[in-house]
């Protein structure tokens, strides 16, 4: 570790993003970049999963790795006009959309016979079939929503992110995220109703 990296005794973990970026650009400080990766690789992965879907976690891992490589190569282009987090999340969002556009993503299909005989301690075969069919309908409907609505729903309900966390990941005000969630739920309920499922 370069002596100047901790000249005042403060470890990398106590440094602001801007300081770490400056160290990376001016001194090619590997320790500073490693700290940026530590801070952002997890959130970038979660954002990618929210776009691609949980069943595509390996692809989301590839996106996260690709984003970190791209950031490493283009860090000098970061001008500080926005927060570093907003900059990296925008890269991740766009890269995940590109991956999604190139691939043929389909919700896993399970035959009705398999669903009807799937074991469940709480449901009989018919109830289990109805539950699984509704779950498949939910996945299909979510996939038809605008991308930003999909991400907001998946981050909140599948990945347990708070409104403030989603706001950071999507680079949007918290009130806007609340609006995304409200509109997404309303659209989802309407789409499920069209398919004959009660909204609940």
C-alpha atoms as a PDB file:
ATOM      1  CA  UNK A   1       0.000   0.000   0.000  1.00  0.00           C
ATOM      2  CA  UNK A   2       1.487   3.405  -0.947  1.00  0.00           C
ATOM      3  CA  UNK A   3       2.438   5.365   2.180  1.00  0.00           C
ATOM      4  CA  UNK A   4       0.557   8.436   0.936  1.00  0.00           C
ATOM      5  CA  UNK A   5      -2.658   6.442   0.710  1.00  0.00           C
ATOM      6  CA  UNK A   6      -2.979   6.657   4.480  1.00  0.00           C
ATOM      7  CA  UNK A   7      -0.919   9.689   5.257  1.00  0.00           C
ATOM      8  CA  UNK A   8      -3.350  10.807   7.953  1.00  0.00           C
ATOM      9  CA  UNK A   9      -3.816   7.312   9.343  1.00  0.00           C
ATOM     10  CA  UNK A  10      -7.276   6.859   7.838  1.00  0.00           C
ATOM     11  CA  UNK A  11      -7.869   3.479   6.154  1.00  0.00           C
ATOM     12  CA  UNK A  12      -9.427   3.205   2.703  1.00  0.00           C
ATOM     13  CA  UNK A  13     -12.749   2.219   4.252  1.00  0.00           C
ATOM     14  CA  UNK A  14     -12.999   5.652   5.884  1.00  0.00           C
ATOM     15  CA  UNK A  15     -12.372   7.543   2.666  1.00  0.00           C
ATOM     16  CA  UNK A  16     -15.006   9.196   0.471  1.00  0.00           C
ATOM     17  CA  UNK A  17     -15.618   7.859  -3.025  1.00  0.00           C
ATOM     18  CA  UNK A  18     -14.200  11.023  -4.554  1.00  0.00           C
ATOM     19  CA  UNK A  19     -10.893  10.586  -2.729  1.00  0.00           C
ATOM     20  CA  UNK A  20     -10.655   6.977  -3.858  1.00  0.00           C
ATOM     21  CA  UNK A  21     -11.373   7.917  -7.467  1.00  0.00           C
ATOM     22  CA  UNK A  22      -8.715  10.617  -7.309  1.00  0.00           C
ATOM     23  CA  UNK A  23      -6.190   8.129  -5.956  1.00  0.00           C
ATOM     24  CA  UNK A  24      -7.011   5.675  -8.716  1.00  0.00           C
ATOM     25  CA  UNK A  25      -6.622   8.278 -11.458  1.00  0.00           C
ATOM     26  CA  UNK A  26      -3.571  10.109 -10.149  1.00  0.00           C
ATOM     27  CA  UNK A  27      -1.589   7.314  -8.529  1.00  0.00           C
ATOM     28  CA  UNK A  28      -2.989   4.088 -10.032  1.00  0.00           C
ATOM     29  CA  UNK A  29      -3.694   3.051  -6.444  1.00  0.00           C
ATOM     30  CA  UNK A  30      -4.856  -0.584  -6.512  1.00  0.00           C
ATOM     31  CA  UNK A  31      -5.954  -0.402  -2.889  1.00  0.00           C
ATOM     32  CA  UNK A  32      -8.263   2.513  -3.616  1.00  0.00           C
ATOM     33  CA  UNK A  33      -9.856   0.705  -6.556  1.00  0.00           C
ATOM     34  CA  UNK A  34     -10.245  -2.472  -4.487  1.00  0.00           C
ATOM     35  CA  UNK A  35     -12.213  -0.438  -1.954  1.00  0.00           C
ATOM     36  CA  UNK A  36     -14.494   0.921  -4.684  1.00  0.00           C
ATOM     37  CA  UNK A  37     -15.103  -2.639  -5.877  1.00  0.00           C
ATOM     38  CA  UNK A  38     -15.849  -3.740  -2.307  1.00  0.00           C
ATOM     39  CA  UNK A  39     -18.411  -0.972  -1.926  1.00  0.00           C
ATOM     40  CA  UNK A  40     -20.189  -1.300  -5.242  1.00  0.00           C
ATOM     41  CA  UNK A  41     -19.922  -4.832  -6.588  1.00  0.00           C
ATOM     42  CA  UNK A  42     -22.775  -6.115  -4.393  1.00  0.00           C
ATOM     43  CA  UNK A  43     -25.209  -3.296  -5.213  1.00  0.00           C
ATOM     44  CA  UNK A  44     -24.330  -3.542  -8.921  1.00  0.00           C
ATOM     45  CA  UNK A  45     -25.101  -7.279  -8.826  1.00  0.00           C
ATOM     46  CA  UNK A  46     -28.438  -6.627  -7.123  1.00  0.00           C
ATOM     47  CA  UNK A  47     -29.329  -4.016  -9.710  1.00  0.00           C
ATOM     48  CA  UNK A  48     -28.462  -6.439 -12.526  1.00  0.00           C
ATOM     49  CA  UNK A  49     -30.584  -9.181 -10.925  1.00  0.00           C
ATOM     50  CA  UNK A  50     -33.485  -6.748 -10.650  1.00  0.00           C
ATOM     51  CA  UNK A  51     -33.346  -6.244 -14.425  1.00  0.00           C
ATOM     52  CA  UNK A  52     -32.566  -9.791 -15.573  1.00  0.00           C
ATOM     53  CA  UNK A  53     -34.595 -11.710 -12.986  1.00  0.00           C
ATOM     54  CA  UNK A  54     -33.506 -13.922 -10.105  1.00  0.00           C
ATOM     55  CA  UNK A  55     -33.273 -17.027 -12.290  1.00  0.00           C
ATOM     56  CA  UNK A  56     -30.446 -15.337 -14.189  1.00  0.00           C
ATOM     57  CA  UNK A  57     -28.096 -14.723 -11.275  1.00  0.00           C
ATOM     58  CA  UNK A  58     -25.067 -16.111 -13.195  1.00  0.00           C
ATOM     59  CA  UNK A  59     -25.651 -13.566 -15.964  1.00  0.00           C
ATOM     60  CA  UNK A  60     -26.004 -10.847 -13.327  1.00  0.00           C
ATOM     61  CA  UNK A  61     -22.629 -11.902 -11.901  1.00  0.00           C
ATOM     62  CA  UNK A  62     -21.139 -11.500 -15.366  1.00  0.00           C
ATOM     63  CA  UNK A  63     -22.679  -8.037 -15.619  1.00  0.00           C
ATOM     64  CA  UNK A  64     -21.230  -7.042 -12.246  1.00  0.00           C
ATOM     65  CA  UNK A  65     -17.772  -8.233 -13.255  1.00  0.00           C
ATOM     66  CA  UNK A  66     -18.036  -6.493 -16.615  1.00  0.00           C
ATOM     67  CA  UNK A  67     -19.114  -3.237 -15.000  1.00  0.00           C
ATOM     68  CA  UNK A  68     -16.131  -3.277 -12.651  1.00  0.00           C
ATOM     69  CA  UNK A  69     -13.770  -3.867 -15.577  1.00  0.00           C
ATOM     70  CA  UNK A  70     -15.363  -1.071 -17.551  1.00  0.00           C
ATOM     71  CA  UNK A  71     -15.148   1.290 -14.584  1.00  0.00           C
ATOM     72  CA  UNK A  72     -11.484   0.420 -14.151  1.00  0.00           C
ATOM     73  CA  UNK A  73     -10.746   1.260 -17.791  1.00  0.00           C
ATOM     74  CA  UNK A  74     -12.866   4.413 -17.985  1.00  0.00           C
ATOM     75  CA  UNK A  75     -12.481   5.876 -14.501  1.00  0.00           C
ATOM     76  CA  UNK A  76     -10.646   8.886 -15.884  1.00  0.00           C
ATOM     77  CA  UNK A  77     -13.785   9.810 -17.823  1.00  0.00           C
ATOM     78  CA  UNK A  78     -15.672  10.313 -14.558  1.00  0.00           C
ATOM     79  CA  UNK A  79     -15.938  14.095 -14.211  1.00  0.00           C
ATOM     80  CA  UNK A  80     -17.721  14.308 -10.888  1.00  0.00           C
ATOM     81  CA  UNK A  81     -20.839  15.917 -12.384  1.00  0.00           C
ATOM     82  CA  UNK A  82     -22.867  13.312 -10.482  1.00  0.00           C
ATOM     83  CA  UNK A  83     -22.128  11.099  -7.507  1.00  0.00           C
ATOM     84  CA  UNK A  84     -19.811   8.202  -8.251  1.00  0.00           C
ATOM     85  CA  UNK A  85     -22.532   5.774  -7.169  1.00  0.00           C
ATOM     86  CA  UNK A  86     -25.001   7.278  -9.643  1.00  0.00           C
ATOM     87  CA  UNK A  87     -22.399   7.023 -12.403  1.00  0.00           C
ATOM     88  CA  UNK A  88     -21.606   3.362 -11.789  1.00  0.00           C
ATOM     89  CA  UNK A  89     -25.265   2.388 -11.355  1.00  0.00           C
ATOM     90  CA  UNK A  90     -26.131   4.043 -14.668  1.00  0.00           C
ATOM     91  CA  UNK A  91     -23.400   1.972 -16.341  1.00  0.00           C
ATOM     92  CA  UNK A  92     -24.725  -1.179 -14.658  1.00  0.00           C
ATOM     93  CA  UNK A  93     -28.334  -0.462 -15.621  1.00  0.00           C
ATOM     94  CA  UNK A  94     -27.437   0.063 -19.278  1.00  0.00           C
ATOM     95  CA  UNK A  95     -25.141  -2.962 -19.406  1.00  0.00           C
ATOM     96  CA  UNK A  96     -27.805  -5.213 -17.878  1.00  0.00           C
ATOM     97  CA  UNK A  97     -30.356  -3.955 -20.415  1.00  0.00           C
ATOM     98  CA  UNK A  98     -27.902  -4.735 -23.216  1.00  0.00           C
ATOM     99  CA  UNK A  99     -27.444  -8.283 -21.925  1.00  0.00           C
ATOM    100  CA  UNK A 100     -31.197  -8.716 -21.641  1.00  0.00           C
ATOM    101  CA  UNK A 101     -31.718  -7.441 -25.195  1.00  0.00           C
ATOM    102  CA  UNK A 102     -29.122  -9.844 -26.637  1.00  0.00           C
ATOM    103  CA  UNK A 103     -30.418 -12.956 -24.907  1.00  0.00           C
ATOM    104  CA  UNK A 104     -33.715 -14.757 -25.119  1.00  0.00           C
ATOM    105  CA  UNK A 105     -34.947 -14.633 -21.576  1.00  0.00           C
ATOM    106  CA  UNK A 106     -37.874 -16.885 -20.838  1.00  0.00           C
ATOM    107  CA  UNK A 107     -39.532 -17.717 -17.551  1.00  0.00           C
ATOM    108  CA  UNK A 108     -38.857 -21.377 -16.693  1.00  0.00           C
ATOM    109  CA  UNK A 109     -41.764 -23.535 -17.838  1.00  0.00           C
ATOM    110  CA  UNK A 110     -43.081 -26.321 -15.633  1.00  0.00           C
ATOM    111  CA  UNK A 111     -45.862 -28.555 -16.886  1.00  0.00           C
ATOM    112  CA  UNK A 112     -49.220 -28.549 -15.132  1.00  0.00           C
ATOM    113  CA  UNK A 113     -48.859 -32.232 -14.277  1.00  0.00           C
ATOM    114  CA  UNK A 114     -45.639 -31.550 -12.377  1.00  0.00           C
ATOM    115  CA  UNK A 115     -47.182 -28.560 -10.640  1.00  0.00           C
ATOM    116  CA  UNK A 116     -50.260 -30.518  -9.644  1.00  0.00           C
ATOM    117  CA  UNK A 117     -48.180 -33.215  -7.967  1.00  0.00           C
ATOM    118  CA  UNK A 118     -45.616 -30.883  -6.376  1.00  0.00           C
ATOM    119  CA  UNK A 119     -45.462 -31.582  -2.624  1.00  0.00           C
ATOM    120  CA  UNK A 120     -46.632 -28.872  -0.260  1.00  0.00           C
ATOM    121  CA  UNK A 121     -47.204 -29.089   3.504  1.00  0.00           C
ATOM    122  CA  UNK A 122     -49.817 -26.329   3.297  1.00  0.00           C
ATOM    123  CA  UNK A 123     -51.742 -26.966   0.067  1.00  0.00           C
ATOM    124  CA  UNK A 124     -53.490 -29.806  -1.648  1.00  0.00           C
ATOM    125  CA  UNK A 125     -52.640 -30.645  -5.279  1.00  0.00           C
ATOM    126  CA  UNK A 126     -55.306 -28.335  -6.740  1.00  0.00           C
ATOM    127  CA  UNK A 127     -54.375 -25.398  -4.506  1.00  0.00           C
ATOM    128  CA  UNK A 128     -50.703 -25.978  -5.271  1.00  0.00           C
ATOM    129  CA  UNK A 129     -51.458 -25.935  -9.004  1.00  0.00           C
ATOM    130  CA  UNK A 130     -53.408 -22.686  -8.677  1.00  0.00           C
ATOM    131  CA  UNK A 131     -50.613 -21.122  -6.627  1.00  0.00           C
ATOM    132  CA  UNK A 132     -47.905 -22.107  -9.099  1.00  0.00           C
ATOM    133  CA  UNK A 133     -49.967 -20.922 -12.059  1.00  0.00           C
ATOM    134  CA  UNK A 134     -50.462 -17.557 -10.393  1.00  0.00           C
ATOM    135  CA  UNK A 135     -46.742 -17.298  -9.645  1.00  0.00           C
ATOM    136  CA  UNK A 136     -45.947 -17.949 -13.297  1.00  0.00           C
ATOM    137  CA  UNK A 137     -48.501 -15.322 -14.301  1.00  0.00           C
ATOM    138  CA  UNK A 138     -46.908 -12.810 -11.928  1.00  0.00           C
ATOM    139  CA  UNK A 139     -43.469 -13.451 -13.439  1.00  0.00           C
ATOM    140  CA  UNK A 140     -44.850 -13.065 -16.949  1.00  0.00           C
ATOM    141  CA  UNK A 141     -46.685  -9.838 -16.085  1.00  0.00           C
ATOM    142  CA  UNK A 142     -43.663  -8.323 -14.339  1.00  0.00           C
ATOM    143  CA  UNK A 143     -41.648  -9.028 -17.475  1.00  0.00           C
ATOM    144  CA  UNK A 144     -44.068  -6.910 -19.501  1.00  0.00           C
ATOM    145  CA  UNK A 145     -43.740  -3.821 -17.294  1.00  0.00           C
ATOM    146  CA  UNK A 146     -41.427  -0.913 -18.176  1.00  0.00           C
ATOM    147  CA  UNK A 147     -37.842  -1.759 -17.188  1.00  0.00           C
ATOM    148  CA  UNK A 148     -37.667   0.779 -14.374  1.00  0.00           C
ATOM    149  CA  UNK A 149     -40.891  -0.599 -12.855  1.00  0.00           C
ATOM    150  CA  UNK A 150     -39.526  -4.133 -13.089  1.00  0.00           C
ATOM    151  CA  UNK A 151     -36.364  -3.106 -11.285  1.00  0.00           C
ATOM    152  CA  UNK A 152     -38.236  -1.248  -8.558  1.00  0.00           C
ATOM    153  CA  UNK A 153     -40.540  -4.209  -7.882  1.00  0.00           C
ATOM    154  CA  UNK A 154     -37.785  -6.814  -7.900  1.00  0.00           C
ATOM    155  CA  UNK A 155     -35.466  -4.748  -5.739  1.00  0.00           C
ATOM    156  CA  UNK A 156     -38.210  -4.083  -3.196  1.00  0.00           C
ATOM    157  CA  UNK A 157     -40.115  -7.373  -3.029  1.00  0.00           C
ATOM    158  CA  UNK A 158     -37.583  -9.987  -4.131  1.00  0.00           C
ATOM    159  CA  UNK A 159     -34.318  -8.508  -2.892  1.00  0.00           C
ATOM    160  CA  UNK A 160     -35.667  -6.636   0.152  1.00  0.00           C
ATOM    161  CA  UNK A 161     -34.248  -3.221  -0.767  1.00  0.00           C
ATOM    162  CA  UNK A 162     -35.673  -0.176   0.974  1.00  0.00           C
ATOM    163  CA  UNK A 163     -37.083   2.807  -0.903  1.00  0.00           C
ATOM    164  CA  UNK A 164     -33.922   4.796  -0.135  1.00  0.00           C
ATOM    165  CA  UNK A 165     -31.710   1.970  -1.437  1.00  0.00           C
ATOM    166  CA  UNK A 166     -33.757   1.714  -4.617  1.00  0.00           C
ATOM    167  CA  UNK A 167     -33.545   5.481  -5.054  1.00  0.00           C
ATOM    168  CA  UNK A 168     -29.755   5.259  -4.955  1.00  0.00           C
ATOM    169  CA  UNK A 169     -29.594   2.317  -7.355  1.00  0.00           C
ATOM    170  CA  UNK A 170     -31.969   3.887  -9.871  1.00  0.00           C
ATOM    171  CA  UNK A 171     -30.602   7.403  -9.352  1.00  0.00           C
ATOM    172  CA  UNK A 172     -34.086   8.733  -8.644  1.00  0.00           C
ATOM    173  CA  UNK A 173     -35.711  10.703  -5.789  1.00  0.00           C
ATOM    174  CA  UNK A 174     -37.422   8.587  -3.134  1.00  0.00           C
ATOM    175  CA  UNK A 175     -40.843  10.026  -4.014  1.00  0.00           C
ATOM    176  CA  UNK A 176     -40.268   8.953  -7.613  1.00  0.00           C
ATOM    177  CA  UNK A 177     -39.423   5.420  -6.464  1.00  0.00           C
ATOM    178  CA  UNK A 178     -42.627   5.341  -4.405  1.00  0.00           C
ATOM    179  CA  UNK A 179     -44.491   6.406  -7.539  1.00  0.00           C
ATOM    180  CA  UNK A 180     -42.770   3.643  -9.544  1.00  0.00           C
ATOM    181  CA  UNK A 181     -43.834   1.045  -6.995  1.00  0.00           C
ATOM    182  CA  UNK A 182     -47.412   2.349  -6.816  1.00  0.00           C
ATOM    183  CA  UNK A 183     -47.844   2.428 -10.595  1.00  0.00           C
ATOM    184  CA  UNK A 184     -46.145  -0.947 -11.036  1.00  0.00           C
ATOM    185  CA  UNK A 185     -48.458  -2.579  -8.485  1.00  0.00           C
ATOM    186  CA  UNK A 186     -51.520  -1.016 -10.110  1.00  0.00           C
ATOM    187  CA  UNK A 187     -50.476  -2.207 -13.580  1.00  0.00           C
ATOM    188  CA  UNK A 188     -49.583  -5.646 -12.250  1.00  0.00           C
ATOM    189  CA  UNK A 189     -52.988  -6.050 -10.574  1.00  0.00           C
ATOM    190  CA  UNK A 190     -54.769  -5.049 -13.780  1.00  0.00           C
ATOM    191  CA  UNK A 191     -52.684  -7.441 -15.879  1.00  0.00           C
ATOM    192  CA  UNK A 192     -53.329 -10.327 -13.483  1.00  0.00           C
ATOM    193  CA  UNK A 193     -57.047  -9.576 -13.503  1.00  0.00           C
ATOM    194  CA  UNK A 194     -57.025  -9.820 -17.312  1.00  0.00           C
ATOM    195  CA  UNK A 195     -55.542 -13.292 -16.926  1.00  0.00           C
ATOM    196  CA  UNK A 196     -58.235 -14.312 -14.466  1.00  0.00           C
ATOM    197  CA  UNK A 197     -56.245 -14.006 -11.242  1.00  0.00           C
ATOM    198  CA  UNK A 198     -57.434 -12.038  -8.242  1.00  0.00           C
ATOM    199  CA  UNK A 199     -55.074  -9.245  -7.155  1.00  0.00           C
ATOM    200  CA  UNK A 200     -53.793  -9.929  -3.659  1.00  0.00           C
END
